[in-house]
Amino acid sequence: MKATEYYQKAEDNKHFLSKGFYDNWAMSYVELKEYDKALIYYRKAKEFSPYDKDINLSIADTYMKKGDFAKSREVLDEMLQLNPNDAEVIYSKGMTYYKAGNTGKAESYFNQAFSIDPSMKSLRYTKSNF
């Protein structure tokens, strides 16, 4: 993919290195389903902003896409230590169980997220197929 080549050239020349730069580079690897490479660049993005919720959710999602549900939950648990009532993070943790085939445990997390933020109930149908 040409995009990844351009990102590599930009990094080699130390142009625009930032959280956003590495986040975008990681997303290009997610699109290619090269999850290990994506994780490398998400970690670089995280160096610029270690507590950035979106970056951490992207890391957790990438682990989930590669089937490493335990590692995904580990990232989400770290986030929940900072904010135990973050409905989006709780919902994402439920998705790790859903994707792993444990619908009972998933429902428990989904319901917890929905009780914190009832507007999230629409996610039950929109995110369950990713």
Protein backbone atom coordinates (compact mmCIF):
# COMPACT_ATOMS: atom_id res chain seq x y z
CA MET A 1 0.00 0.00 0.00
CA LYS A 2 1.40 3.37 -1.02
CA ALA A 3 0.23 5.09 2.14
CA THR A 4 2.46 2.98 4.36
CA GLU A 5 5.44 3.77 2.11
CA TYR A 6 4.73 7.50 2.43
CA TYR A 7 4.43 7.23 6.20
CA GLN A 8 7.76 5.42 6.33
CA LYS A 9 9.46 8.13 4.24
CA ALA A 10 7.96 10.85 6.43
CA GLU A 11 9.16 9.11 9.58
CA ASP A 12 12.63 8.57 8.08
CA ASN A 13 12.80 12.32 7.41
CA LYS A 14 11.31 13.11 10.84
CA HIS A 15 8.39 15.03 9.32
CA PHE A 16 5.27 15.70 11.39
CA LEU A 17 5.92 12.99 13.95
CA SER A 18 2.99 13.18 16.34
CA LYS A 19 0.22 11.19 17.93
CA GLY A 20 -1.97 11.81 14.90
CA PHE A 21 0.76 10.78 12.46
CA TYR A 22 1.29 7.42 14.14
CA ASP A 23 -2.43 6.92 14.71
CA ASN A 24 -3.11 7.37 11.00
CA TRP A 25 -0.22 5.11 10.07
CA ALA A 26 -1.56 2.42 12.40
CA MET A 27 -5.02 2.73 10.85
CA SER A 28 -3.55 2.06 7.41
CA TYR A 29 -2.19 -1.25 8.72
CA VAL A 30 -5.53 -2.08 10.35
CA GLU A 31 -7.13 -1.66 6.92
CA LEU A 32 -4.58 -4.12 5.53
CA LYS A 33 -5.36 -6.48 8.44
CA GLU A 34 -1.70 -6.32 9.49
CA TYR A 35 -2.54 -6.00 13.16
CA ASP A 36 0.93 -6.53 14.60
CA LYS A 37 2.28 -3.66 12.52
CA ALA A 38 -0.71 -1.53 13.48
CA LEU A 39 0.03 -2.15 17.15
CA ILE A 40 3.61 -0.94 16.69
CA TYR A 41 2.39 2.43 15.43
CA TYR A 42 -0.46 2.73 17.93
CA ARG A 43 2.15 2.27 20.67
CA LYS A 44 4.22 5.05 19.12
CA ALA A 45 1.12 7.27 19.08
CA LYS A 46 0.52 6.39 22.71
CA GLU A 47 4.01 7.66 23.60
CA PHE A 48 2.78 11.16 22.70
CA SER A 49 -0.36 10.83 24.81
CA PRO A 50 -0.35 7.80 27.12
CA TYR A 51 -3.85 8.36 28.50
CA ASP A 52 -5.57 9.23 25.22
CA LYS A 53 -8.83 7.32 25.30
CA ASP A 54 -9.17 6.97 21.53
CA ILE A 55 -5.64 5.62 21.09
CA ASN A 56 -6.13 3.12 23.90
CA LEU A 57 -9.49 2.03 22.51
CA SER A 58 -7.86 1.57 19.10
CA ILE A 59 -5.16 -0.59 20.67
CA ALA A 60 -7.78 -2.68 22.47
CA ASP A 61 -9.82 -2.99 19.27
CA THR A 62 -6.77 -4.10 17.30
CA TYR A 63 -6.00 -6.82 19.83
CA MET A 64 -9.64 -7.88 19.58
CA LYS A 65 -9.46 -8.01 15.77
CA LYS A 66 -6.40 -10.24 15.94
CA GLY A 67 -8.23 -12.52 18.38
CA ASP A 68 -6.20 -11.67 21.47
CA PHE A 69 -9.17 -10.97 23.73
CA ALA A 70 -7.20 -11.24 26.97
CA LYS A 71 -4.71 -8.59 25.84
CA SER A 72 -7.59 -6.37 24.71
CA ARG A 73 -9.20 -6.69 28.14
CA GLU A 74 -5.87 -5.88 29.78
CA VAL A 75 -5.75 -2.53 27.92
CA LEU A 76 -9.39 -1.84 28.78
CA ASP A 77 -8.84 -2.73 32.44
CA GLU A 78 -6.00 -0.20 32.60
CA MET A 79 -8.39 2.41 31.25
CA LEU A 80 -11.07 1.43 33.76
CA GLN A 81 -8.62 1.93 36.60
CA LEU A 82 -8.48 5.59 35.58
CA ASN A 83 -12.21 5.95 35.01
CA PRO A 84 -14.25 2.99 36.26
CA ASN A 85 -17.54 4.46 35.02
CA ASP A 86 -16.60 5.01 31.39
CA ALA A 87 -19.52 3.42 29.56
CA GLU A 88 -17.70 3.21 26.23
CA VAL A 89 -14.77 1.32 27.76
CA ILE A 90 -17.11 -0.99 29.67
CA TYR A 91 -19.05 -1.66 26.46
CA SER A 92 -15.79 -2.40 24.63
CA LYS A 93 -14.85 -4.87 27.33
CA GLY A 94 -18.20 -6.54 26.79
CA MET A 95 -17.38 -6.79 23.09
CA THR A 96 -14.22 -8.74 23.91
CA TYR A 97 -16.39 -11.35 25.60
CA TYR A 98 -18.99 -11.25 22.82
CA LYS A 99 -16.36 -11.81 20.12
CA ALA A 100 -14.83 -14.62 22.21
CA GLY A 101 -18.23 -16.34 22.34
CA ASN A 102 -19.10 -15.60 25.96
CA THR A 103 -22.42 -13.83 25.39
CA GLY A 104 -23.51 -14.12 29.01
CA LYS A 105 -20.53 -12.18 30.30
CA ALA A 106 -20.80 -9.78 27.36
CA GLU A 107 -24.42 -8.98 28.22
CA SER A 108 -23.39 -8.22 31.80
CA TYR A 109 -20.90 -5.59 30.59
CA PHE A 110 -23.33 -4.25 27.98
CA ASN A 111 -26.02 -3.79 30.60
CA GLN A 112 -23.57 -2.07 32.93
CA ALA A 113 -22.59 0.33 30.13
CA PHE A 114 -26.25 0.98 29.24
CA SER A 115 -27.12 1.76 32.84
CA ILE A 116 -24.37 4.40 32.92
CA ASP A 117 -25.24 5.81 29.49
CA PRO A 118 -28.67 4.73 28.17
CA SER A 119 -27.96 6.33 24.79
CA MET A 120 -25.47 3.53 24.15
CA LYS A 121 -28.25 0.96 23.74
CA SER A 122 -28.19 1.61 20.01
CA LEU A 123 -24.66 0.15 19.91
CA ARG A 124 -26.02 -3.28 20.69
CA TYR A 125 -26.93 -3.58 17.03
CA THR A 126 -24.45 -1.30 15.30
CA LYS A 127 -21.17 -2.55 16.80
CA SER A 128 -21.97 -6.20 17.33
CA ASN A 129 -20.84 -7.16 13.84
CA PHE A 130 -17.35 -5.62 13.73
